[in-house]
Amino acid sequence: MSRAFVNEDATHEPEPRYTLPARESPRFDAAAARALLEGAHIGNTQSAEAATGYTWGDSVLVPHIEALIQEAEELGDERMARLGRRYLRKAGRE
């Protein structure tokens, strides 16, 4: 194989794992909202979407995202608050 097609220095980080309750759990949507923001925070929203079954900006999660924004602001985590606001914009809110 040509070296042009081999990147020996590439890092192959494993896909992140998200701890989620059972889908039937009343806590699932809140955990899914957190997972989507965490996925965005590490630059891998796609993995969080696959894990949760929700897409970025899904309006079902808006109340949970709003709560996470408030929590992030209280903790001084501007990055997570900004990601939450970006989610709300995608959902057509804020």
PDB file of N, CA and C in Angstrom:
ATOM      1  N   MET A   1       0.844  -1.169   0.000  1.00  0.00           N
ATOM      2  CA  MET A   1       0.000   0.000   0.000  1.00  0.00           C
ATOM      3  C   MET A   1       0.891   1.233   0.000  1.00  0.00           C
ATOM      4  N   SER A   2       0.514   2.203  -0.753  1.00  0.00           N
ATOM      5  CA  SER A   2       1.259   3.446  -0.828  1.00  0.00           C
ATOM      6  C   SER A   2       1.185   4.184   0.503  1.00  0.00           C
ATOM      7  N   ARG A   3       2.271   4.815   0.895  1.00  0.00           N
ATOM      8  CA  ARG A   3       2.290   5.591   2.137  1.00  0.00           C
ATOM      9  C   ARG A   3       1.369   6.803   2.045  1.00  0.00           C
ATOM     10  N   ALA A   4       1.000   7.175   0.856  1.00  0.00           N
ATOM     11  CA  ALA A   4       0.086   8.305   0.690  1.00  0.00           C
ATOM     12  C   ALA A   4      -1.262   8.018   1.332  1.00  0.00           C
ATOM     13  N   PHE A   5      -1.583   6.741   1.507  1.00  0.00           N
ATOM     14  CA  PHE A   5      -2.875   6.376   2.059  1.00  0.00           C
ATOM     15  C   PHE A   5      -2.793   5.870   3.495  1.00  0.00           C
ATOM     16  N   VAL A   6      -1.640   5.950   4.098  1.00  0.00           N
ATOM     17  CA  VAL A   6      -1.453   5.463   5.462  1.00  0.00           C
ATOM     18  C   VAL A   6      -1.039   6.629   6.348  1.00  0.00           C
ATOM     19  N   ASN A   7      -1.789   6.831   7.385  1.00  0.00           N
ATOM     20  CA  ASN A   7      -1.452   7.879   8.340  1.00  0.00           C
ATOM     21  C   ASN A   7      -1.130   7.198   9.657  1.00  0.00           C
ATOM     22  N   GLU A   8       0.128   6.870   9.840  1.00  0.00           N
ATOM     23  CA  GLU A   8       0.544   6.143  11.035  1.00  0.00           C
ATOM     24  C   GLU A   8       0.460   6.989  12.295  1.00  0.00           C
ATOM     25  N   ASP A   9       0.425   8.304  12.132  1.00  0.00           N
ATOM     26  CA  ASP A   9       0.389   9.189  13.285  1.00  0.00           C
ATOM     27  C   ASP A   9      -1.035   9.543  13.717  1.00  0.00           C
ATOM     28  N   ALA A  10      -2.014   9.095  12.979  1.00  0.00           N
ATOM     29  CA  ALA A  10      -3.396   9.440  13.303  1.00  0.00           C
ATOM     30  C   ALA A  10      -3.779   8.847  14.656  1.00  0.00           C
ATOM     31  N   THR A  11      -4.487   9.615  15.425  1.00  0.00           N
ATOM     32  CA  THR A  11      -4.990   9.092  16.694  1.00  0.00           C
ATOM     33  C   THR A  11      -6.397   8.573  16.453  1.00  0.00           C
ATOM     34  N   HIS A  12      -6.665   7.437  16.995  1.00  0.00           N
ATOM     35  CA  HIS A  12      -7.986   6.823  16.832  1.00  0.00           C
ATOM     36  C   HIS A  12      -8.618   6.745  18.207  1.00  0.00           C
ATOM     37  N   GLU A  13      -9.228   7.834  18.589  1.00  0.00           N
ATOM     38  CA  GLU A  13      -9.871   7.869  19.893  1.00  0.00           C
ATOM     39  C   GLU A  13     -11.189   7.107  19.817  1.00  0.00           C
ATOM     40  N   PRO A  14     -11.490   6.369  20.852  1.00  0.00           N
ATOM     41  CA  PRO A  14     -12.757   5.630  20.850  1.00  0.00           C
ATOM     42  C   PRO A  14     -13.940   6.595  20.898  1.00  0.00           C
ATOM     43  N   GLU A  15     -15.044   6.152  20.357  1.00  0.00           N
ATOM     44  CA  GLU A  15     -16.263   6.948  20.419  1.00  0.00           C
ATOM     45  C   GLU A  15     -16.638   7.147  21.894  1.00  0.00           C
ATOM     46  N   PRO A  16     -17.106   8.329  22.237  1.00  0.00           N
ATOM     47  CA  PRO A  16     -17.516   8.538  23.629  1.00  0.00           C
ATOM     48  C   PRO A  16     -18.719   7.667  23.972  1.00  0.00           C
ATOM     49  N   ARG A  17     -18.810   7.321  25.227  1.00  0.00           N
ATOM     50  CA  ARG A  17     -19.956   6.545  25.709  1.00  0.00           C
ATOM     51  C   ARG A  17     -20.787   7.454  26.608  1.00  0.00           C
ATOM     52  N   TYR A  18     -22.066   7.387  26.440  1.00  0.00           N
ATOM     53  CA  TYR A  18     -22.978   8.223  27.213  1.00  0.00           C
ATOM     54  C   TYR A  18     -23.786   7.334  28.137  1.00  0.00           C
ATOM     55  N   THR A  19     -23.812   7.682  29.400  1.00  0.00           N
ATOM     56  CA  THR A  19     -24.586   6.930  30.375  1.00  0.00           C
ATOM     57  C   THR A  19     -26.008   7.461  30.355  1.00  0.00           C
ATOM     58  N   LEU A  20     -26.891   6.648  29.856  1.00  0.00           N
ATOM     59  CA  LEU A  20     -28.294   7.051  29.725  1.00  0.00           C
ATOM     60  C   LEU A  20     -29.186   6.041  30.430  1.00  0.00           C
ATOM     61  N   PRO A  21     -30.244   6.515  31.073  1.00  0.00           N
ATOM     62  CA  PRO A  21     -31.213   5.577  31.647  1.00  0.00           C
ATOM     63  C   PRO A  21     -31.991   4.904  30.515  1.00  0.00           C
ATOM     64  N   ALA A  22     -32.795   3.948  30.857  1.00  0.00           N
ATOM     65  CA  ALA A  22     -33.641   3.289  29.856  1.00  0.00           C
ATOM     66  C   ALA A  22     -34.521   4.329  29.179  1.00  0.00           C
ATOM     67  N   ARG A  23     -34.790   4.131  27.908  1.00  0.00           N
ATOM     68  CA  ARG A  23     -35.587   5.090  27.139  1.00  0.00           C
ATOM     69  C   ARG A  23     -36.956   5.329  27.785  1.00  0.00           C
ATOM     70  N   GLU A  24     -37.483   4.332  28.465  1.00  0.00           N
ATOM     71  CA  GLU A  24     -38.797   4.473  29.104  1.00  0.00           C
ATOM     72  C   GLU A  24     -38.737   5.303  30.379  1.00  0.00           C
ATOM     73  N   SER A  25     -37.555   5.549  30.878  1.00  0.00           N
ATOM     74  CA  SER A  25     -37.388   6.285  32.129  1.00  0.00           C
ATOM     75  C   SER A  25     -37.799   7.741  31.965  1.00  0.00           C
ATOM     76  N   PRO A  26     -38.439   8.317  32.980  1.00  0.00           N
ATOM     77  CA  PRO A  26     -38.784   9.734  32.914  1.00  0.00           C
ATOM     78  C   PRO A  26     -37.535  10.633  32.917  1.00  0.00           C
ATOM     79  N   ARG A  27     -36.375  10.073  33.245  1.00  0.00           N
ATOM     80  CA  ARG A  27     -35.129  10.849  33.265  1.00  0.00           C
ATOM     81  C   ARG A  27     -34.381  10.811  31.930  1.00  0.00           C
ATOM     82  N   PHE A  28     -34.898  10.025  30.968  1.00  0.00           N
ATOM     83  CA  PHE A  28     -34.160   9.838  29.719  1.00  0.00           C
ATOM     84  C   PHE A  28     -33.947  11.147  28.957  1.00  0.00           C
ATOM     85  N   ASP A  29     -34.998  11.947  28.792  1.00  0.00           N
ATOM     86  CA  ASP A  29     -34.861  13.164  27.994  1.00  0.00           C
ATOM     87  C   ASP A  29     -33.863  14.147  28.606  1.00  0.00           C
ATOM     88  N   ALA A  30     -33.858  14.272  29.928  1.00  0.00           N
ATOM     89  CA  ALA A  30     -32.887  15.161  30.580  1.00  0.00           C
ATOM     90  C   ALA A  30     -31.462  14.655  30.349  1.00  0.00           C
ATOM     91  N   ALA A  31     -31.279  13.346  30.451  1.00  0.00           N
ATOM     92  CA  ALA A  31     -29.954  12.764  30.216  1.00  0.00           C
ATOM     93  C   ALA A  31     -29.550  12.901  28.754  1.00  0.00           C
ATOM     94  N   ALA A  32     -30.502  12.770  27.855  1.00  0.00           N
ATOM     95  CA  ALA A  32     -30.219  12.914  26.427  1.00  0.00           C
ATOM     96  C   ALA A  32     -29.801  14.349  26.110  1.00  0.00           C
ATOM     97  N   ALA A  33     -30.466  15.318  26.723  1.00  0.00           N
ATOM     98  CA  ALA A  33     -30.103  16.722  26.505  1.00  0.00           C
ATOM     99  C   ALA A  33     -28.673  16.977  26.967  1.00  0.00           C
ATOM    100  N   ARG A  34     -28.326  16.456  28.124  1.00  0.00           N
ATOM    101  CA  ARG A  34     -26.968  16.606  28.643  1.00  0.00           C
ATOM    102  C   ARG A  34     -25.957  15.921  27.712  1.00  0.00           C
ATOM    103  N   ALA A  35     -26.301  14.741  27.224  1.00  0.00           N
ATOM    104  CA  ALA A  35     -25.403  14.016  26.322  1.00  0.00           C
ATOM    105  C   ALA A  35     -25.170  14.799  25.028  1.00  0.00           C
ATOM    106  N   LEU A  36     -26.209  15.418  24.499  1.00  0.00           N
ATOM    107  CA  LEU A  36     -26.043  16.199  23.272  1.00  0.00           C
ATOM    108  C   LEU A  36     -25.114  17.394  23.497  1.00  0.00           C
ATOM    109  N   LEU A  37     -25.269  18.068  24.634  1.00  0.00           N
ATOM    110  CA  LEU A  37     -24.360  19.192  24.920  1.00  0.00           C
ATOM    111  C   LEU A  37     -22.943  18.696  25.160  1.00  0.00           C
ATOM    112  N   GLU A  38     -22.800  17.575  25.843  1.00  0.00           N
ATOM    113  CA  GLU A  38     -21.459  17.017  26.073  1.00  0.00           C
ATOM    114  C   GLU A  38     -20.811  16.597  24.760  1.00  0.00           C
ATOM    115  N   GLY A  39     -21.600  16.000  23.875  1.00  0.00           N
ATOM    116  CA  GLY A  39     -21.085  15.621  22.567  1.00  0.00           C
ATOM    117  C   GLY A  39     -20.624  16.841  21.781  1.00  0.00           C
ATOM    118  N   ALA A  40     -21.407  17.898  21.822  1.00  0.00           N
ATOM    119  CA  ALA A  40     -21.022  19.133  21.133  1.00  0.00           C
ATOM    120  C   ALA A  40     -19.766  19.724  21.755  1.00  0.00           C
ATOM    121  N   HIS A  41     -19.664  19.607  23.058  1.00  0.00           N
ATOM    122  CA  HIS A  41     -18.504  20.157  23.772  1.00  0.00           C
ATOM    123  C   HIS A  41     -17.202  19.498  23.323  1.00  0.00           C
ATOM    124  N   ILE A  42     -17.256  18.210  23.015  1.00  0.00           N
ATOM    125  CA  ILE A  42     -16.044  17.519  22.565  1.00  0.00           C
ATOM    126  C   ILE A  42     -15.945  17.473  21.042  1.00  0.00           C
ATOM    127  N   GLY A  43     -16.892  18.121  20.372  1.00  0.00           N
ATOM    128  CA  GLY A  43     -16.852  18.174  18.917  1.00  0.00           C
ATOM    129  C   GLY A  43     -17.337  16.912  18.243  1.00  0.00           C
ATOM    130  N   ASN A  44     -18.214  16.170  18.907  1.00  0.00           N
ATOM    131  CA  ASN A  44     -18.710  14.922  18.353  1.00  0.00           C
ATOM    132  C   ASN A  44     -20.211  14.795  18.624  1.00  0.00           C
ATOM    133  N   THR A  45     -20.962  15.714  18.072  1.00  0.00           N
ATOM    134  CA  THR A  45     -22.411  15.700  18.255  1.00  0.00           C
ATOM    135  C   THR A  45     -23.024  14.449  17.664  1.00  0.00           C
ATOM    136  N   GLN A  46     -22.442  13.980  16.588  1.00  0.00           N
ATOM    137  CA  GLN A  46     -22.975  12.810  15.893  1.00  0.00           C
ATOM    138  C   GLN A  46     -23.052  11.586  16.810  1.00  0.00           C
ATOM    139  N   SER A  47     -22.051  11.392  17.655  1.00  0.00           N
ATOM    140  CA  SER A  47     -22.076  10.233  18.556  1.00  0.00           C
ATOM    141  C   SER A  47     -23.204  10.370  19.579  1.00  0.00           C
ATOM    142  N   ALA A  48     -23.438  11.581  20.047  1.00  0.00           N
ATOM    143  CA  ALA A  48     -24.522  11.807  21.011  1.00  0.00           C
ATOM    144  C   ALA A  48     -25.878  11.623  20.345  1.00  0.00           C
ATOM    145  N   GLU A  49     -26.000  12.061  19.114  1.00  0.00           N
ATOM    146  CA  GLU A  49     -27.256  11.854  18.391  1.00  0.00           C
ATOM    147  C   GLU A  49     -27.533  10.362  18.216  1.00  0.00           C
ATOM    148  N   ALA A  50     -26.497   9.613  17.875  1.00  0.00           N
ATOM    149  CA  ALA A  50     -26.658   8.166  17.695  1.00  0.00           C
ATOM    150  C   ALA A  50     -27.034   7.492  19.017  1.00  0.00           C
ATOM    151  N   ALA A  51     -26.436   7.932  20.106  1.00  0.00           N
ATOM    152  CA  ALA A  51     -26.693   7.317  21.414  1.00  0.00           C
ATOM    153  C   ALA A  51     -28.083   7.635  21.942  1.00  0.00           C
ATOM    154  N   THR A  52     -28.560   8.854  21.671  1.00  0.00           N
ATOM    155  CA  THR A  52     -29.830   9.292  22.251  1.00  0.00           C
ATOM    156  C   THR A  52     -31.030   9.091  21.336  1.00  0.00           C
ATOM    157  N   GLY A  53     -30.790   9.071  20.042  1.00  0.00           N
ATOM    158  CA  GLY A  53     -31.900   9.009  19.098  1.00  0.00           C
ATOM    159  C   GLY A  53     -32.493  10.367  18.798  1.00  0.00           C
ATOM    160  N   TYR A  54     -31.952  11.412  19.400  1.00  0.00           N
ATOM    161  CA  TYR A  54     -32.392  12.781  19.132  1.00  0.00           C
ATOM    162  C   TYR A  54     -31.373  13.484  18.244  1.00  0.00           C
ATOM    163  N   THR A  55     -31.847  14.438  17.470  1.00  0.00           N
ATOM    164  CA  THR A  55     -30.932  15.235  16.662  1.00  0.00           C
ATOM    165  C   THR A  55     -30.722  16.587  17.320  1.00  0.00           C
ATOM    166  N   TRP A  56     -29.634  17.236  16.941  1.00  0.00           N
ATOM    167  CA  TRP A  56     -29.291  18.554  17.468  1.00  0.00           C
ATOM    168  C   TRP A  56     -30.404  19.527  17.102  1.00  0.00           C
ATOM    169  N   GLY A  57     -31.004  20.153  18.108  1.00  0.00           N
ATOM    170  CA  GLY A  57     -32.070  21.117  17.891  1.00  0.00           C
ATOM    171  C   GLY A  57     -33.465  20.530  18.022  1.00  0.00           C
ATOM    172  N   ASP A  58     -33.583  19.270  18.412  1.00  0.00           N
ATOM    173  CA  ASP A  58     -34.890  18.648  18.583  1.00  0.00           C
ATOM    174  C   ASP A  58     -35.673  19.403  19.654  1.00  0.00           C
ATOM    175  N   SER A  59     -36.853  19.868  19.294  1.00  0.00           N
ATOM    176  CA  SER A  59     -37.633  20.731  20.195  1.00  0.00           C
ATOM    177  C   SER A  59     -38.119  20.009  21.450  1.00  0.00           C
ATOM    178  N   VAL A  60     -38.195  18.701  21.429  1.00  0.00           N
ATOM    179  CA  VAL A  60     -38.639  17.939  22.603  1.00  0.00           C
ATOM    180  C   VAL A  60     -37.736  18.216  23.804  1.00  0.00           C
ATOM    181  N   LEU A  61     -36.458  18.452  23.551  1.00  0.00           N
ATOM    182  CA  LEU A  61     -35.494  18.607  24.641  1.00  0.00           C
ATOM    183  C   LEU A  61     -35.318  20.052  25.111  1.00  0.00           C
ATOM    184  N   VAL A  62     -36.022  20.994  24.511  1.00  0.00           N
ATOM    185  CA  VAL A  62     -35.831  22.409  24.834  1.00  0.00           C
ATOM    186  C   VAL A  62     -35.929  22.704  26.335  1.00  0.00           C
ATOM    187  N   PRO A  63     -36.935  22.213  27.059  1.00  0.00           N
ATOM    188  CA  PRO A  63     -36.994  22.519  28.500  1.00  0.00           C
ATOM    189  C   PRO A  63     -35.765  22.024  29.257  1.00  0.00           C
ATOM    190  N   HIS A  64     -35.244  20.879  28.862  1.00  0.00           N
ATOM    191  CA  HIS A  64     -34.059  20.323  29.523  1.00  0.00           C
ATOM    192  C   HIS A  64     -32.814  21.129  29.164  1.00  0.00           C
ATOM    193  N   ILE A  65     -32.726  21.568  27.928  1.00  0.00           N
ATOM    194  CA  ILE A  65     -31.592  22.397  27.506  1.00  0.00           C
ATOM    195  C   ILE A  65     -31.624  23.717  28.261  1.00  0.00           C
ATOM    196  N   GLU A  66     -32.798  24.304  28.417  1.00  0.00           N
ATOM    197  CA  GLU A  66     -32.917  25.562  29.171  1.00  0.00           C
ATOM    198  C   GLU A  66     -32.431  25.380  30.605  1.00  0.00           C
ATOM    199  N   ALA A  67     -32.785  24.257  31.221  1.00  0.00           N
ATOM    200  CA  ALA A  67     -32.328  23.983  32.586  1.00  0.00           C
ATOM    201  C   ALA A  67     -30.808  23.807  32.621  1.00  0.00           C
ATOM    202  N   LEU A  68     -30.246  23.171  31.609  1.00  0.00           N
ATOM    203  CA  LEU A  68     -28.790  22.983  31.550  1.00  0.00           C
ATOM    204  C   LEU A  68     -28.062  24.306  31.326  1.00  0.00           C
ATOM    205  N   ILE A  69     -28.666  25.201  30.574  1.00  0.00           N
ATOM    206  CA  ILE A  69     -28.069  26.531  30.383  1.00  0.00           C
ATOM    207  C   ILE A  69     -28.014  27.253  31.721  1.00  0.00           C
ATOM    208  N   GLN A  70     -29.114  27.217  32.457  1.00  0.00           N
ATOM    209  CA  GLN A  70     -29.155  27.868  33.767  1.00  0.00           C
ATOM    210  C   GLN A  70     -28.105  27.260  34.698  1.00  0.00           C
ATOM    211  N   GLU A  71     -28.001  25.946  34.703  1.00  0.00           N
ATOM    212  CA  GLU A  71     -27.015  25.257  35.540  1.00  0.00           C
ATOM    213  C   GLU A  71     -25.590  25.675  35.142  1.00  0.00           C
ATOM    214  N   ALA A  72     -25.319  25.707  33.850  1.00  0.00           N
ATOM    215  CA  ALA A  72     -23.990  26.082  33.360  1.00  0.00           C
ATOM    216  C   ALA A  72     -23.656  27.523  33.754  1.00  0.00           C
ATOM    217  N   GLU A  73     -24.627  28.405  33.639  1.00  0.00           N
ATOM    218  CA  GLU A  73     -24.385  29.810  34.017  1.00  0.00           C
ATOM    219  C   GLU A  73     -24.109  29.928  35.509  1.00  0.00           C
ATOM    220  N   GLU A  74     -24.828  29.176  36.321  1.00  0.00           N
ATOM    221  CA  GLU A  74     -24.604  29.201  37.771  1.00  0.00           C
ATOM    222  C   GLU A  74     -23.218  28.677  38.130  1.00  0.00           C
ATOM    223  N   LEU A  75     -22.727  27.726  37.339  1.00  0.00           N
ATOM    224  CA  LEU A  75     -21.399  27.156  37.576  1.00  0.00           C
ATOM    225  C   LEU A  75     -20.289  27.949  36.892  1.00  0.00           C
ATOM    226  N   GLY A  76     -20.676  28.951  36.112  1.00  0.00           N
ATOM    227  CA  GLY A  76     -19.682  29.751  35.397  1.00  0.00           C
ATOM    228  C   GLY A  76     -19.104  29.043  34.178  1.00  0.00           C
ATOM    229  N   ASP A  77     -19.818  28.069  33.662  1.00  0.00           N
ATOM    230  CA  ASP A  77     -19.365  27.317  32.489  1.00  0.00           C
ATOM    231  C   ASP A  77     -19.953  27.954  31.229  1.00  0.00           C
ATOM    232  N   GLU A  78     -19.293  29.009  30.765  1.00  0.00           N
ATOM    233  CA  GLU A  78     -19.804  29.766  29.631  1.00  0.00           C
ATOM    234  C   GLU A  78     -19.839  28.924  28.358  1.00  0.00           C
ATOM    235  N   ARG A  79     -18.896  28.017  28.190  1.00  0.00           N
ATOM    236  CA  ARG A  79     -18.865  27.172  26.988  1.00  0.00           C
ATOM    237  C   ARG A  79     -20.139  26.330  26.885  1.00  0.00           C
ATOM    238  N   MET A  80     -20.531  25.672  27.970  1.00  0.00           N
ATOM    239  CA  MET A  80     -21.739  24.848  27.941  1.00  0.00           C
ATOM    240  C   MET A  80     -22.989  25.709  27.779  1.00  0.00           C
ATOM    241  N   ALA A  81     -23.005  26.874  28.418  1.00  0.00           N
ATOM    242  CA  ALA A  81     -24.147  27.774  28.263  1.00  0.00           C
ATOM    243  C   ALA A  81     -24.268  28.222  26.808  1.00  0.00           C
ATOM    244  N   ARG A  82     -23.140  28.518  26.189  1.00  0.00           N
ATOM    245  CA  ARG A  82     -23.136  28.949  24.788  1.00  0.00           C
ATOM    246  C   ARG A  82     -23.621  27.820  23.877  1.00  0.00           C
ATOM    247  N   LEU A  83     -23.179  26.593  24.152  1.00  0.00           N
ATOM    248  CA  LEU A  83     -23.649  25.454  23.365  1.00  0.00           C
ATOM    249  C   LEU A  83     -25.160  25.264  23.527  1.00  0.00           C
ATOM    250  N   GLY A  84     -25.650  25.442  24.744  1.00  0.00           N
ATOM    251  CA  GLY A  84     -27.090  25.340  24.980  1.00  0.00           C
ATOM    252  C   GLY A  84     -27.865  26.387  24.205  1.00  0.00           C
ATOM    253  N   ARG A  85     -27.359  27.611  24.179  1.00  0.00           N
ATOM    254  CA  ARG A  85     -28.025  28.673  23.416  1.00  0.00           C
ATOM    255  C   ARG A  85     -27.997  28.373  21.917  1.00  0.00           C
ATOM    256  N   ARG A  86     -26.912  27.779  21.457  1.00  0.00           N
ATOM    257  CA  ARG A  86     -26.817  27.380  20.049  1.00  0.00           C
ATOM    258  C   ARG A  86     -27.866  26.304  19.738  1.00  0.00           C
ATOM    259  N   TYR A  87     -28.042  25.381  20.673  1.00  0.00           N
ATOM    260  CA  TYR A  87     -29.069  24.346  20.516  1.00  0.00           C
ATOM    261  C   TYR A  87     -30.443  24.999  20.394  1.00  0.00           C
ATOM    262  N   LEU A  88     -30.720  25.957  21.284  1.00  0.00           N
ATOM    263  CA  LEU A  88     -32.023  26.630  21.248  1.00  0.00           C
ATOM    264  C   LEU A  88     -32.257  27.359  19.932  1.00  0.00           C
ATOM    265  N   ARG A  89     -31.229  27.980  19.403  1.00  0.00           N
ATOM    266  CA  ARG A  89     -31.364  28.659  18.108  1.00  0.00           C
ATOM    267  C   ARG A  89     -31.721  27.653  17.017  1.00  0.00           C
ATOM    268  N   LYS A  90     -31.065  26.513  17.026  1.00  0.00           N
ATOM    269  CA  LYS A  90     -31.361  25.460  16.044  1.00  0.00           C
ATOM    270  C   LYS A  90     -32.784  24.967  16.200  1.00  0.00           C
ATOM    271  N   ALA A  91     -33.269  24.944  17.438  1.00  0.00           N
ATOM    272  CA  ALA A  91     -34.643  24.502  17.709  1.00  0.00           C
ATOM    273  C   ALA A  91     -35.666  25.592  17.400  1.00  0.00           C
ATOM    274  N   GLY A  92     -35.180  26.771  17.005  1.00  0.00           N
ATOM    275  CA  GLY A  92     -36.087  27.879  16.689  1.00  0.00           C
ATOM    276  C   GLY A  92     -36.527  28.641  17.908  1.00  0.00           C
ATOM    277  N   ARG A  93     -35.759  28.545  18.982  1.00  0.00           N
ATOM    278  CA  ARG A  93     -36.074  29.243  20.245  1.00  0.00           C
ATOM    279  C   ARG A  93     -35.022  30.286  20.552  1.00  0.00           C
ATOM    280  N   GLU A  94     -35.289  31.067  21.546  1.00  0.00           N
ATOM    281  CA  GLU A  94     -34.403  32.122  22.097  1.00  0.00           C
ATOM    282  C   GLU A  94     -34.262  33.311  21.204  1.00  0.00           C
TER     283      GLU A  94
END
